[in-house]
Amino acid sequence: MSNLGILVPILALMIPIVAIVMKNWRDVQNRRMDMMERGGVEMNAAAQTRIERLEERIAVLERIATDKRLSLADEIERLGK
């Protein structure tokens, strides 16, 4: 019976401690998710910018590849500068 007598106060102290720890853990997880969402938005904007630049470069290369003019070499040199 003496073992049971010591367990009751220990349990009485453990319940609020566990509740506090779990609340803090949930807050940390929520903050982590918010940070991940913000990072995803920033990454999407950077990726979109990079895609637009690549599309512009592809358009120039397509124009050069389909151009039949004699000054093609001059234009390639101009674009390389």
PDB file of N, CA and C in Angstrom:
ATOM      1  N   MET A   1       0.810  -1.194   0.000  1.00  0.00           N
ATOM      2  CA  MET A   1       0.000   0.000   0.000  1.00  0.00           C
ATOM      3  C   MET A   1       0.855   1.259   0.000  1.00  0.00           C
ATOM      4  N   SER A   2       2.053   1.176   0.544  1.00  0.00           N
ATOM      5  CA  SER A   2       2.916   2.353   0.577  1.00  0.00           C
ATOM      6  C   SER A   2       3.370   2.741  -0.828  1.00  0.00           C
ATOM      7  N   ASN A   3       3.505   1.756  -1.725  1.00  0.00           N
ATOM      8  CA  ASN A   3       3.858   2.070  -3.115  1.00  0.00           C
ATOM      9  C   ASN A   3       2.751   2.861  -3.798  1.00  0.00           C
ATOM     10  N   LEU A   4       1.525   2.486  -3.544  1.00  0.00           N
ATOM     11  CA  LEU A   4       0.390   3.194  -4.127  1.00  0.00           C
ATOM     12  C   LEU A   4       0.285   4.608  -3.564  1.00  0.00           C
ATOM     13  N   GLY A   5       0.637   4.764  -2.307  1.00  0.00           N
ATOM     14  CA  GLY A   5       0.585   6.081  -1.677  1.00  0.00           C
ATOM     15  C   GLY A   5       1.554   7.058  -2.315  1.00  0.00           C
ATOM     16  N   ILE A   6       2.700   6.607  -2.818  1.00  0.00           N
ATOM     17  CA  ILE A   6       3.676   7.492  -3.452  1.00  0.00           C
ATOM     18  C   ILE A   6       3.329   7.742  -4.922  1.00  0.00           C
ATOM     19  N   LEU A   7       2.614   6.786  -5.548  1.00  0.00           N
ATOM     20  CA  LEU A   7       2.268   6.934  -6.972  1.00  0.00           C
ATOM     21  C   LEU A   7       1.231   8.022  -7.215  1.00  0.00           C
ATOM     22  N   VAL A   8       0.320   8.203  -6.288  1.00  0.00           N
ATOM     23  CA  VAL A   8      -0.734   9.203  -6.477  1.00  0.00           C
ATOM     24  C   VAL A   8      -0.154  10.609  -6.595  1.00  0.00           C
ATOM     25  N   PRO A   9       0.740  11.050  -5.709  1.00  0.00           N
ATOM     26  CA  PRO A   9       1.303  12.396  -5.882  1.00  0.00           C
ATOM     27  C   PRO A   9       2.177  12.506  -7.138  1.00  0.00           C
ATOM     28  N   ILE A  10       2.876  11.413  -7.473  1.00  0.00           N
ATOM     29  CA  ILE A  10       3.707  11.445  -8.675  1.00  0.00           C
ATOM     30  C   ILE A  10       2.823  11.626  -9.910  1.00  0.00           C
ATOM     31  N   LEU A  11       1.733  10.874  -9.988  1.00  0.00           N
ATOM     32  CA  LEU A  11       0.802  11.029 -11.108  1.00  0.00           C
ATOM     33  C   LEU A  11       0.164  12.409 -11.119  1.00  0.00           C
ATOM     34  N   ALA A  12      -0.156  12.919  -9.944  1.00  0.00           N
ATOM     35  CA  ALA A  12      -0.771  14.242  -9.853  1.00  0.00           C
ATOM     36  C   ALA A  12       0.180  15.315 -10.385  1.00  0.00           C
ATOM     37  N   LEU A  13       1.476  15.130 -10.201  1.00  0.00           N
ATOM     38  CA  LEU A  13       2.452  16.093 -10.717  1.00  0.00           C
ATOM     39  C   LEU A  13       2.768  15.842 -12.193  1.00  0.00           C
ATOM     40  N   MET A  14       2.721  14.604 -12.638  1.00  0.00           N
ATOM     41  CA  MET A  14       3.078  14.267 -14.013  1.00  0.00           C
ATOM     42  C   MET A  14       2.023  14.738 -15.023  1.00  0.00           C
ATOM     43  N   ILE A  15       0.760  14.709 -14.660  1.00  0.00           N
ATOM     44  CA  ILE A  15      -0.297  15.085 -15.605  1.00  0.00           C
ATOM     45  C   ILE A  15      -0.138  16.527 -16.095  1.00  0.00           C
ATOM     46  N   PRO A  16       0.041  17.522 -15.214  1.00  0.00           N
ATOM     47  CA  PRO A  16       0.216  18.892 -15.738  1.00  0.00           C
ATOM     48  C   PRO A  16       1.538  19.067 -16.486  1.00  0.00           C
ATOM     49  N   ILE A  17       2.574  18.347 -16.046  1.00  0.00           N
ATOM     50  CA  ILE A  17       3.861  18.457 -16.733  1.00  0.00           C
ATOM     51  C   ILE A  17       3.735  17.931 -18.167  1.00  0.00           C
ATOM     52  N   VAL A  18       3.098  16.793 -18.322  1.00  0.00           N
ATOM     53  CA  VAL A  18       2.902  16.227 -19.661  1.00  0.00           C
ATOM     54  C   VAL A  18       2.025  17.152 -20.498  1.00  0.00           C
ATOM     55  N   ALA A  19       1.008  17.747 -19.918  1.00  0.00           N
ATOM     56  CA  ALA A  19       0.130  18.658 -20.648  1.00  0.00           C
ATOM     57  C   ALA A  19       0.911  19.879 -21.145  1.00  0.00           C
ATOM     58  N   ILE A  20       1.773  20.430 -20.307  1.00  0.00           N
ATOM     59  CA  ILE A  20       2.581  21.590 -20.697  1.00  0.00           C
ATOM     60  C   ILE A  20       3.551  21.218 -21.812  1.00  0.00           C
ATOM     61  N   VAL A  21       4.212  20.077 -21.672  1.00  0.00           N
ATOM     62  CA  VAL A  21       5.162  19.636 -22.693  1.00  0.00           C
ATOM     63  C   VAL A  21       4.448  19.421 -24.029  1.00  0.00           C
ATOM     64  N   MET A  22       3.291  18.793 -24.010  1.00  0.00           N
ATOM     65  CA  MET A  22       2.555  18.533 -25.250  1.00  0.00           C
ATOM     66  C   MET A  22       2.078  19.833 -25.903  1.00  0.00           C
ATOM     67  N   LYS A  23       1.641  20.799 -25.098  1.00  0.00           N
ATOM     68  CA  LYS A  23       1.215  22.088 -25.651  1.00  0.00           C
ATOM     69  C   LYS A  23       2.385  22.788 -26.332  1.00  0.00           C
ATOM     70  N   ASN A  24       3.538  22.796 -25.673  1.00  0.00           N
ATOM     71  CA  ASN A  24       4.721  23.421 -26.268  1.00  0.00           C
ATOM     72  C   ASN A  24       5.146  22.684 -27.541  1.00  0.00           C
ATOM     73  N   TRP A  25       5.054  21.364 -27.531  1.00  0.00           N
ATOM     74  CA  TRP A  25       5.428  20.581 -28.713  1.00  0.00           C
ATOM     75  C   TRP A  25       4.512  20.925 -29.895  1.00  0.00           C
ATOM     76  N   ARG A  26       3.209  21.046 -29.608  1.00  0.00           N
ATOM     77  CA  ARG A  26       2.263  21.430 -30.656  1.00  0.00           C
ATOM     78  C   ARG A  26       2.558  22.815 -31.215  1.00  0.00           C
ATOM     79  N   ASP A  27       2.900  23.759 -30.323  1.00  0.00           N
ATOM     80  CA  ASP A  27       3.247  25.109 -30.775  1.00  0.00           C
ATOM     81  C   ASP A  27       4.471  25.090 -31.683  1.00  0.00           C
ATOM     82  N   VAL A  28       5.463  24.314 -31.306  1.00  0.00           N
ATOM     83  CA  VAL A  28       6.677  24.203 -32.121  1.00  0.00           C
ATOM     84  C   VAL A  28       6.340  23.596 -33.484  1.00  0.00           C
ATOM     85  N   GLN A  29       5.520  22.571 -33.503  1.00  0.00           N
ATOM     86  CA  GLN A  29       5.137  21.944 -34.769  1.00  0.00           C
ATOM     87  C   GLN A  29       4.353  22.925 -35.649  1.00  0.00           C
ATOM     88  N   ASN A  30       3.479  23.721 -35.065  1.00  0.00           N
ATOM     89  CA  ASN A  30       2.732  24.719 -35.831  1.00  0.00           C
ATOM     90  C   ASN A  30       3.664  25.767 -36.421  1.00  0.00           C
ATOM     91  N   ARG A  31       4.634  26.226 -35.622  1.00  0.00           N
ATOM     92  CA  ARG A  31       5.608  27.196 -36.133  1.00  0.00           C
ATOM     93  C   ARG A  31       6.429  26.597 -37.263  1.00  0.00           C
ATOM     94  N   ARG A  32       6.816  25.332 -37.115  1.00  0.00           N
ATOM     95  CA  ARG A  32       7.597  24.658 -38.148  1.00  0.00           C
ATOM     96  C   ARG A  32       6.807  24.589 -39.455  1.00  0.00           C
ATOM     97  N   MET A  33       5.519  24.264 -39.360  1.00  0.00           N
ATOM     98  CA  MET A  33       4.677  24.196 -40.560  1.00  0.00           C
ATOM     99  C   MET A  33       4.542  25.580 -41.209  1.00  0.00           C
ATOM    100  N   ASP A  34       4.386  26.626 -40.400  1.00  0.00           N
ATOM    101  CA  ASP A  34       4.308  27.984 -40.942  1.00  0.00           C
ATOM    102  C   ASP A  34       5.582  28.349 -41.683  1.00  0.00           C
ATOM    103  N   MET A  35       6.725  28.008 -41.103  1.00  0.00           N
ATOM    104  CA  MET A  35       8.003  28.311 -41.745  1.00  0.00           C
ATOM    105  C   MET A  35       8.157  27.531 -43.047  1.00  0.00           C
ATOM    106  N   MET A  36       7.708  26.296 -43.069  1.00  0.00           N
ATOM    107  CA  MET A  36       7.798  25.494 -44.278  1.00  0.00           C
ATOM    108  C   MET A  36       6.906  26.072 -45.379  1.00  0.00           C
ATOM    109  N   GLU A  37       5.719  26.541 -45.006  1.00  0.00           N
ATOM    110  CA  GLU A  37       4.818  27.142 -45.989  1.00  0.00           C
ATOM    111  C   GLU A  37       5.417  28.409 -46.569  1.00  0.00           C
ATOM    112  N   ARG A  38       5.990  29.264 -45.703  1.00  0.00           N
ATOM    113  CA  ARG A  38       6.605  30.496 -46.192  1.00  0.00           C
ATOM    114  C   ARG A  38       7.781  30.187 -47.099  1.00  0.00           C
ATOM    115  N   GLY A  39       8.576  29.189 -46.730  1.00  0.00           N
ATOM    116  CA  GLY A  39       9.709  28.797 -47.558  1.00  0.00           C
ATOM    117  C   GLY A  39       9.264  28.265 -48.899  1.00  0.00           C
ATOM    118  N   GLY A  40       8.157  27.539 -48.930  1.00  0.00           N
ATOM    119  CA  GLY A  40       7.630  27.016 -50.181  1.00  0.00           C
ATOM    120  C   GLY A  40       7.187  28.115 -51.113  1.00  0.00           C
ATOM    121  N   VAL A  41       6.573  29.158 -50.574  1.00  0.00           N
ATOM    122  CA  VAL A  41       6.125  30.287 -51.389  1.00  0.00           C
ATOM    123  C   VAL A  41       7.331  31.007 -51.979  1.00  0.00           C
ATOM    124  N   GLU A  42       8.370  31.216 -51.166  1.00  0.00           N
ATOM    125  CA  GLU A  42       9.570  31.886 -51.663  1.00  0.00           C
ATOM    126  C   GLU A  42      10.246  31.046 -52.733  1.00  0.00           C
ATOM    127  N   MET A  43      10.284  29.733 -52.532  1.00  0.00           N
ATOM    128  CA  MET A  43      10.905  28.857 -53.498  1.00  0.00           C
ATOM    129  C   MET A  43      10.109  28.866 -54.803  1.00  0.00           C
ATOM    130  N   ASN A  44       8.794  28.879 -54.715  1.00  0.00           N
ATOM    131  CA  ASN A  44       7.965  28.916 -55.919  1.00  0.00           C
ATOM    132  C   ASN A  44       8.198  30.194 -56.706  1.00  0.00           C
ATOM    133  N   ALA A  45       8.329  31.319 -56.035  1.00  0.00           N
ATOM    134  CA  ALA A  45       8.570  32.586 -56.726  1.00  0.00           C
ATOM    135  C   ALA A  45       9.927  32.560 -57.420  1.00  0.00           C
ATOM    136  N   ALA A  46      10.942  32.035 -56.749  1.00  0.00           N
ATOM    137  CA  ALA A  46      12.272  31.935 -57.347  1.00  0.00           C
ATOM    138  C   ALA A  46      12.256  30.982 -58.530  1.00  0.00           C
ATOM    139  N   ALA A  47      11.557  29.869 -58.393  1.00  0.00           N
ATOM    140  CA  ALA A  47      11.476  28.904 -59.483  1.00  0.00           C
ATOM    141  C   ALA A  47      10.739  29.508 -60.671  1.00  0.00           C
ATOM    142  N   GLN A  48       9.677  30.257 -60.423  1.00  0.00           N
ATOM    143  CA  GLN A  48       8.929  30.889 -61.507  1.00  0.00           C
ATOM    144  C   GLN A  48       9.804  31.893 -62.249  1.00  0.00           C
ATOM    145  N   THR A  49      10.588  32.677 -61.528  1.00  0.00           N
ATOM    146  CA  THR A  49      11.493  33.641 -62.150  1.00  0.00           C
ATOM    147  C   THR A  49      12.513  32.929 -63.025  1.00  0.00           C
ATOM    148  N   ARG A  50      13.054  31.845 -62.508  1.00  0.00           N
ATOM    149  CA  ARG A  50      14.051  31.091 -63.269  1.00  0.00           C
ATOM    150  C   ARG A  50      13.425  30.476 -64.526  1.00  0.00           C
ATOM    151  N   ILE A  51      12.225  29.968 -64.415  1.00  0.00           N
ATOM    152  CA  ILE A  51      11.536  29.387 -65.579  1.00  0.00           C
ATOM    153  C   ILE A  51      11.308  30.455 -66.646  1.00  0.00           C
ATOM    154  N   GLU A  52      10.903  31.649 -66.238  1.00  0.00           N
ATOM    155  CA  GLU A  52      10.680  32.724 -67.203  1.00  0.00           C
ATOM    156  C   GLU A  52      11.962  33.095 -67.929  1.00  0.00           C
ATOM    157  N   ARG A  53      13.075  33.167 -67.193  1.00  0.00           N
ATOM    158  CA  ARG A  53      14.362  33.467 -67.842  1.00  0.00           C
ATOM    159  C   ARG A  53      14.743  32.377 -68.831  1.00  0.00           C
ATOM    160  N   LEU A  54      14.541  31.125 -68.451  1.00  0.00           N
ATOM    161  CA  LEU A  54      14.869  30.022 -69.352  1.00  0.00           C
ATOM    162  C   LEU A  54      13.987  30.031 -70.594  1.00  0.00           C
ATOM    163  N   GLU A  55      12.713  30.365 -70.434  1.00  0.00           N
ATOM    164  CA  GLU A  55      11.820  30.446 -71.591  1.00  0.00           C
ATOM    165  C   GLU A  55      12.265  31.538 -72.557  1.00  0.00           C
ATOM    166  N   GLU A  56      12.720  32.670 -72.002  1.00  0.00           N
ATOM    167  CA  GLU A  56      13.229  33.739 -72.864  1.00  0.00           C
ATOM    168  C   GLU A  56      14.460  33.278 -73.634  1.00  0.00           C
ATOM    169  N   ARG A  57      15.347  32.583 -72.955  1.00  0.00           N
ATOM    170  CA  ARG A  57      16.555  32.088 -73.622  1.00  0.00           C
ATOM    171  C   ARG A  57      16.209  31.071 -74.703  1.00  0.00           C
ATOM    172  N   ILE A  58      15.250  30.212 -74.437  1.00  0.00           N
ATOM    173  CA  ILE A  58      14.836  29.210 -75.427  1.00  0.00           C
ATOM    174  C   ILE A  58      14.226  29.901 -76.641  1.00  0.00           C
ATOM    175  N   ALA A  59      13.438  30.937 -76.408  1.00  0.00           N
ATOM    176  CA  ALA A  59      12.834  31.663 -77.530  1.00  0.00           C
ATOM    177  C   ALA A  59      13.917  32.274 -78.418  1.00  0.00           C
ATOM    178  N   VAL A  60      14.958  32.825 -77.817  1.00  0.00           N
ATOM    179  CA  VAL A  60      16.060  33.402 -78.590  1.00  0.00           C
ATOM    180  C   VAL A  60      16.773  32.305 -79.379  1.00  0.00           C
ATOM    181  N   LEU A  61      17.032  31.176 -78.723  1.00  0.00           N
ATOM    182  CA  LEU A  61      17.709  30.082 -79.415  1.00  0.00           C
ATOM    183  C   LEU A  61      16.869  29.524 -80.559  1.00  0.00           C
ATOM    184  N   GLU A  62      15.564  29.433 -80.373  1.00  0.00           N
ATOM    185  CA  GLU A  62      14.690  28.968 -81.445  1.00  0.00           C
ATOM    186  C   GLU A  62      14.703  29.941 -82.619  1.00  0.00           C
ATOM    187  N   ARG A  63      14.686  31.231 -82.309  1.00  0.00           N
ATOM    188  CA  ARG A  63      14.723  32.238 -83.368  1.00  0.00           C
ATOM    189  C   ARG A  63      16.028  32.144 -84.145  1.00  0.00           C
ATOM    190  N   ILE A  64      17.138  31.944 -83.438  1.00  0.00           N
ATOM    191  CA  ILE A  64      18.433  31.821 -84.096  1.00  0.00           C
ATOM    192  C   ILE A  64      18.485  30.565 -84.956  1.00  0.00           C
ATOM    193  N   ALA A  65      17.970  29.458 -84.421  1.00  0.00           N
ATOM    194  CA  ALA A  65      18.031  28.188 -85.149  1.00  0.00           C
ATOM    195  C   ALA A  65      17.174  28.208 -86.408  1.00  0.00           C
ATOM    196  N   THR A  66      16.084  28.953 -86.423  1.00  0.00           N
ATOM    197  CA  THR A  66      15.204  28.971 -87.587  1.00  0.00           C
ATOM    198  C   THR A  66      15.493  30.130 -88.521  1.00  0.00           C
ATOM    199  N   ASP A  67      16.390  31.032 -88.129  1.00  0.00           N
ATOM    200  CA  ASP A  67      16.721  32.190 -88.961  1.00  0.00           C
ATOM    201  C   ASP A  67      17.651  31.769 -90.091  1.00  0.00           C
ATOM    202  N   LYS A  68      17.332  32.165 -91.317  1.00  0.00           N
ATOM    203  CA  LYS A  68      18.111  31.773 -92.489  1.00  0.00           C
ATOM    204  C   LYS A  68      19.024  32.904 -92.982  1.00  0.00           C
ATOM    205  N   ARG A  69      19.143  33.950 -92.210  1.00  0.00           N
ATOM    206  CA  ARG A  69      19.947  35.083 -92.675  1.00  0.00           C
ATOM    207  C   ARG A  69      21.431  34.734 -92.683  1.00  0.00           C
ATOM    208  N   LEU A  70      22.189  35.490 -93.457  1.00  0.00           N
ATOM    209  CA  LEU A  70      23.630  35.274 -93.541  1.00  0.00           C
ATOM    210  C   LEU A  70      24.363  35.858 -92.334  1.00  0.00           C
ATOM    211  N   SER A  71      23.747  36.802 -91.646  1.00  0.00           N
ATOM    212  CA  SER A  71      24.404  37.449 -90.513  1.00  0.00           C
ATOM    213  C   SER A  71      24.159  36.702 -89.208  1.00  0.00           C
ATOM    214  N   LEU A  72      23.891  35.417 -89.294  1.00  0.00           N
ATOM    215  CA  LEU A  72      23.609  34.617 -88.105  1.00  0.00           C
ATOM    216  C   LEU A  72      24.794  34.600 -87.153  1.00  0.00           C
ATOM    217  N   ALA A  73      25.983  34.489 -87.691  1.00  0.00           N
ATOM    218  CA  ALA A  73      27.186  34.463 -86.848  1.00  0.00           C
ATOM    219  C   ALA A  73      27.336  35.777 -86.096  1.00  0.00           C
ATOM    220  N   ASP A  74      27.028  36.896 -86.755  1.00  0.00           N
ATOM    221  CA  ASP A  74      27.123  38.199 -86.081  1.00  0.00           C
ATOM    222  C   ASP A  74      26.130  38.297 -84.915  1.00  0.00           C
ATOM    223  N   GLU A  75      24.933  37.810 -85.137  1.00  0.00           N
ATOM    224  CA  GLU A  75      23.923  37.874 -84.084  1.00  0.00           C
ATOM    225  C   GLU A  75      24.298  36.982 -82.899  1.00  0.00           C
ATOM    226  N   ILE A  76      24.853  35.814 -83.187  1.00  0.00           N
ATOM    227  CA  ILE A  76      25.284  34.910 -82.103  1.00  0.00           C
ATOM    228  C   ILE A  76      26.377  35.580 -81.283  1.00  0.00           C
ATOM    229  N   GLU A  77      27.321  36.236 -81.961  1.00  0.00           N
ATOM    230  CA  GLU A  77      28.383  36.932 -81.234  1.00  0.00           C
ATOM    231  C   GLU A  77      27.815  38.061 -80.393  1.00  0.00           C
ATOM    232  N   ARG A  78      26.841  38.788 -80.932  1.00  0.00           N
ATOM    233  CA  ARG A  78      26.236  39.904 -80.194  1.00  0.00           C
ATOM    234  C   ARG A  78      25.516  39.383 -78.947  1.00  0.00           C
ATOM    235  N   LEU A  79      24.831  38.279 -79.065  1.00  0.00           N
ATOM    236  CA  LEU A  79      24.119  37.722 -77.910  1.00  0.00           C
ATOM    237  C   LEU A  79      25.078  37.172 -76.867  1.00  0.00           C
ATOM    238  N   GLY A  80      26.241  36.752 -77.281  1.00  0.00           N
ATOM    239  CA  GLY A  80      27.213  36.204 -76.341  1.00  0.00           C
ATOM    240  C   GLY A  80      27.883  37.267 -75.486  1.00  0.00           C
ATOM    241  N   LYS A  81      27.776  38.532 -75.879  1.00  0.00           N
ATOM    242  CA  LYS A  81      28.457  39.598 -75.124  1.00  0.00           C
ATOM    243  C   LYS A  81      27.645  40.078 -73.986  1.00  0.00           C
TER     244      LYS A  81
END
